[in-house]
Amino acid sequence: MHQELLTSREAAALLGVTTQTIYNWIFKGELRAIRRGNMHFLDQAELMSAAASITPRRPRLGAKEKAPNR
């Protein structure tokens, strides 16, 4: 069986999140990764099944996006 390994950057692009989000999920144990030197590799099939159960945090409001006044 051949597994397709993705870099953390490729995984982030595939899921539409930042690489920091991928690293956070790895360090929290929500994603499994293989580390080779300073690079992390993720199995694409595992990534897709895990991504279905991981909910990204709500984006933070930037300087231009202010919360509505209440």
N, C-alpha and C. Protein backbone atom coordinates (compact mmCIF):
# COMPACT_ATOMS: atom_id res chain seq x y z
N MET A 1 0.84 -1.19 0.00
CA MET A 1 0.00 0.00 0.00
C MET A 1 0.88 1.24 0.00
N HIS A 2 0.61 2.13 -0.92
CA HIS A 2 1.39 3.35 -1.06
C HIS A 2 0.64 4.51 -0.44
N GLN A 3 1.29 5.18 0.49
CA GLN A 3 0.62 6.32 1.11
C GLN A 3 1.19 7.61 0.53
N GLU A 4 0.32 8.55 0.27
CA GLU A 4 0.73 9.85 -0.25
C GLU A 4 1.02 10.76 0.92
N LEU A 5 2.27 11.20 1.03
CA LEU A 5 2.66 12.09 2.12
C LEU A 5 2.69 13.52 1.62
N LEU A 6 2.16 14.41 2.44
CA LEU A 6 2.13 15.83 2.13
C LEU A 6 2.98 16.59 3.15
N THR A 7 3.59 17.67 2.72
CA THR A 7 4.27 18.54 3.68
C THR A 7 3.21 19.31 4.45
N SER A 8 3.60 19.93 5.53
CA SER A 8 2.64 20.71 6.30
C SER A 8 2.10 21.87 5.46
N ARG A 9 2.92 22.44 4.59
CA ARG A 9 2.48 23.52 3.71
C ARG A 9 1.44 23.02 2.71
N GLU A 10 1.68 21.84 2.13
CA GLU A 10 0.71 21.27 1.18
C GLU A 10 -0.60 20.92 1.89
N ALA A 11 -0.49 20.39 3.11
CA ALA A 11 -1.69 20.04 3.88
C ALA A 11 -2.51 21.29 4.19
N ALA A 12 -1.82 22.37 4.56
CA ALA A 12 -2.50 23.63 4.88
C ALA A 12 -3.23 24.17 3.64
N ALA A 13 -2.57 24.13 2.50
CA ALA A 13 -3.19 24.61 1.26
C ALA A 13 -4.40 23.76 0.90
N LEU A 14 -4.29 22.46 1.09
CA LEU A 14 -5.39 21.55 0.77
C LEU A 14 -6.62 21.82 1.63
N LEU A 15 -6.40 22.14 2.90
CA LEU A 15 -7.51 22.37 3.83
C LEU A 15 -7.93 23.84 3.91
N GLY A 16 -7.15 24.73 3.31
CA GLY A 16 -7.48 26.15 3.36
C GLY A 16 -7.23 26.79 4.71
N VAL A 17 -6.19 26.31 5.40
CA VAL A 17 -5.80 26.87 6.70
C VAL A 17 -4.33 27.27 6.62
N THR A 18 -3.81 27.88 7.67
CA THR A 18 -2.40 28.26 7.68
C THR A 18 -1.54 27.07 8.12
N THR A 19 -0.26 27.17 7.83
CA THR A 19 0.65 26.11 8.29
C THR A 19 0.70 26.11 9.82
N GLN A 20 0.55 27.27 10.44
CA GLN A 20 0.54 27.32 11.91
C GLN A 20 -0.63 26.51 12.46
N THR A 21 -1.77 26.55 11.79
CA THR A 21 -2.93 25.75 12.22
C THR A 21 -2.60 24.27 12.13
N ILE A 22 -1.94 23.86 11.06
CA ILE A 22 -1.54 22.46 10.92
C ILE A 22 -0.60 22.07 12.06
N TYR A 23 0.39 22.93 12.37
CA TYR A 23 1.31 22.64 13.47
C TYR A 23 0.57 22.57 14.80
N ASN A 24 -0.37 23.47 15.01
CA ASN A 24 -1.14 23.44 16.25
C ASN A 24 -1.89 22.13 16.39
N TRP A 25 -2.52 21.68 15.31
CA TRP A 25 -3.25 20.41 15.34
C TRP A 25 -2.32 19.24 15.60
N ILE A 26 -1.12 19.28 15.02
CA ILE A 26 -0.14 18.21 15.25
C ILE A 26 0.25 18.19 16.73
N PHE A 27 0.61 19.35 17.27
CA PHE A 27 1.08 19.41 18.66
C PHE A 27 -0.02 19.11 19.66
N LYS A 28 -1.27 19.35 19.30
CA LYS A 28 -2.40 19.01 20.18
C LYS A 28 -2.76 17.53 20.06
N GLY A 29 -2.19 16.84 19.09
CA GLY A 29 -2.49 15.43 18.90
C GLY A 29 -3.71 15.18 18.03
N GLU A 30 -4.22 16.21 17.37
CA GLU A 30 -5.39 16.05 16.51
C GLU A 30 -5.01 15.51 15.13
N LEU A 31 -3.74 15.68 14.75
CA LEU A 31 -3.21 15.14 13.50
C LEU A 31 -1.93 14.38 13.81
N ARG A 32 -1.73 13.28 13.09
CA ARG A 32 -0.47 12.55 13.22
C ARG A 32 0.45 12.99 12.09
N ALA A 33 1.72 13.15 12.41
CA ALA A 33 2.69 13.56 11.41
C ALA A 33 3.98 12.79 11.60
N ILE A 34 4.71 12.65 10.52
CA ILE A 34 6.04 12.04 10.54
C ILE A 34 7.01 13.20 10.45
N ARG A 35 7.97 13.23 11.35
CA ARG A 35 8.93 14.33 11.33
C ARG A 35 10.26 13.81 10.79
N ARG A 36 10.75 14.49 9.79
CA ARG A 36 12.06 14.20 9.20
C ARG A 36 12.86 15.49 9.24
N GLY A 37 13.82 15.55 10.14
CA GLY A 37 14.58 16.79 10.31
C GLY A 37 13.66 17.85 10.88
N ASN A 38 13.56 18.96 10.18
CA ASN A 38 12.68 20.02 10.65
C ASN A 38 11.37 20.09 9.86
N MET A 39 11.06 19.03 9.10
CA MET A 39 9.84 19.01 8.29
C MET A 39 8.86 17.99 8.83
N HIS A 40 7.59 18.31 8.72
CA HIS A 40 6.52 17.39 9.10
C HIS A 40 5.82 16.91 7.83
N PHE A 41 5.52 15.62 7.78
CA PHE A 41 4.81 15.03 6.66
C PHE A 41 3.54 14.37 7.18
N LEU A 42 2.46 14.54 6.45
CA LEU A 42 1.17 13.99 6.87
C LEU A 42 0.63 13.09 5.77
N ASP A 43 0.04 11.97 6.17
CA ASP A 43 -0.59 11.06 5.23
C ASP A 43 -1.89 11.72 4.74
N GLN A 44 -2.04 11.81 3.42
CA GLN A 44 -3.19 12.53 2.86
C GLN A 44 -4.52 11.90 3.25
N ALA A 45 -4.62 10.58 3.22
CA ALA A 45 -5.88 9.92 3.58
C ALA A 45 -6.23 10.17 5.04
N GLU A 46 -5.23 10.07 5.91
CA GLU A 46 -5.45 10.35 7.34
C GLU A 46 -5.83 11.81 7.57
N LEU A 47 -5.17 12.69 6.84
CA LEU A 47 -5.44 14.12 6.96
C LEU A 47 -6.89 14.42 6.61
N MET A 48 -7.37 13.85 5.52
CA MET A 48 -8.74 14.12 5.08
C MET A 48 -9.76 13.57 6.07
N SER A 49 -9.52 12.39 6.63
CA SER A 49 -10.48 11.85 7.59
C SER A 49 -10.43 12.61 8.91
N ALA A 50 -9.24 13.04 9.34
CA ALA A 50 -9.12 13.81 10.58
C ALA A 50 -9.71 15.20 10.41
N ALA A 51 -9.53 15.79 9.23
CA ALA A 51 -10.02 17.15 8.98
C ALA A 51 -11.54 17.24 9.10
N ALA A 52 -12.22 16.15 8.83
CA ALA A 52 -13.67 16.16 8.93
C ALA A 52 -14.13 16.33 10.37
N SER A 53 -13.29 15.92 11.33
CA SER A 53 -13.69 16.01 12.73
C SER A 53 -13.06 17.19 13.46
N ILE A 54 -12.13 17.89 12.81
CA ILE A 54 -11.48 19.05 13.43
C ILE A 54 -12.18 20.31 12.95
N THR A 55 -12.55 21.16 13.88
CA THR A 55 -13.19 22.41 13.52
C THR A 55 -12.21 23.55 13.76
N PRO A 56 -11.86 24.30 12.71
CA PRO A 56 -10.96 25.42 12.92
C PRO A 56 -11.60 26.48 13.81
N ARG A 57 -10.77 27.18 14.56
CA ARG A 57 -11.27 28.27 15.40
C ARG A 57 -11.84 29.37 14.53
N ARG A 58 -12.72 30.13 15.13
CA ARG A 58 -13.27 31.29 14.45
C ARG A 58 -12.12 32.27 14.22
N PRO A 59 -12.02 32.86 13.03
CA PRO A 59 -10.91 33.80 12.79
C PRO A 59 -10.98 35.00 13.73
N ARG A 60 -9.83 35.47 14.11
CA ARG A 60 -9.76 36.66 14.95
C ARG A 60 -10.12 37.88 14.13
N LEU A 61 -10.67 38.87 14.80
CA LEU A 61 -11.00 40.11 14.11
C LEU A 61 -9.73 40.93 13.96
N GLY A 62 -9.46 41.36 12.74
CA GLY A 62 -8.28 42.17 12.49
C GLY A 62 -8.55 43.62 12.80
N ALA A 63 -7.56 44.45 12.57
CA ALA A 63 -7.68 45.88 12.87
C ALA A 63 -8.80 46.52 12.04
N LYS A 64 -9.00 46.05 10.81
CA LYS A 64 -10.03 46.64 9.95
C LYS A 64 -11.40 46.06 10.22
N GLU A 65 -11.45 44.90 10.83
CA GLU A 65 -12.72 44.25 11.12
C GLU A 65 -13.02 44.42 12.60
N LYS A 66 -13.90 45.28 12.91
CA LYS A 66 -14.24 45.53 14.31
C LYS A 66 -15.53 44.79 14.67
N ALA A 67 -15.58 44.36 15.89
CA ALA A 67 -16.80 43.72 16.40
C ALA A 67 -17.90 44.76 16.46
N PRO A 68 -19.14 44.37 16.20
CA PRO A 68 -20.23 45.35 16.27
C PRO A 68 -20.39 45.88 17.69
N ASN A 69 -20.71 47.17 17.78
CA ASN A 69 -20.96 47.79 19.10
C ASN A 69 -22.30 47.36 19.61
N ARG A 70 -22.35 47.04 20.86
CA ARG A 70 -23.62 46.61 21.46
C ARG A 70 -23.96 47.48 22.62
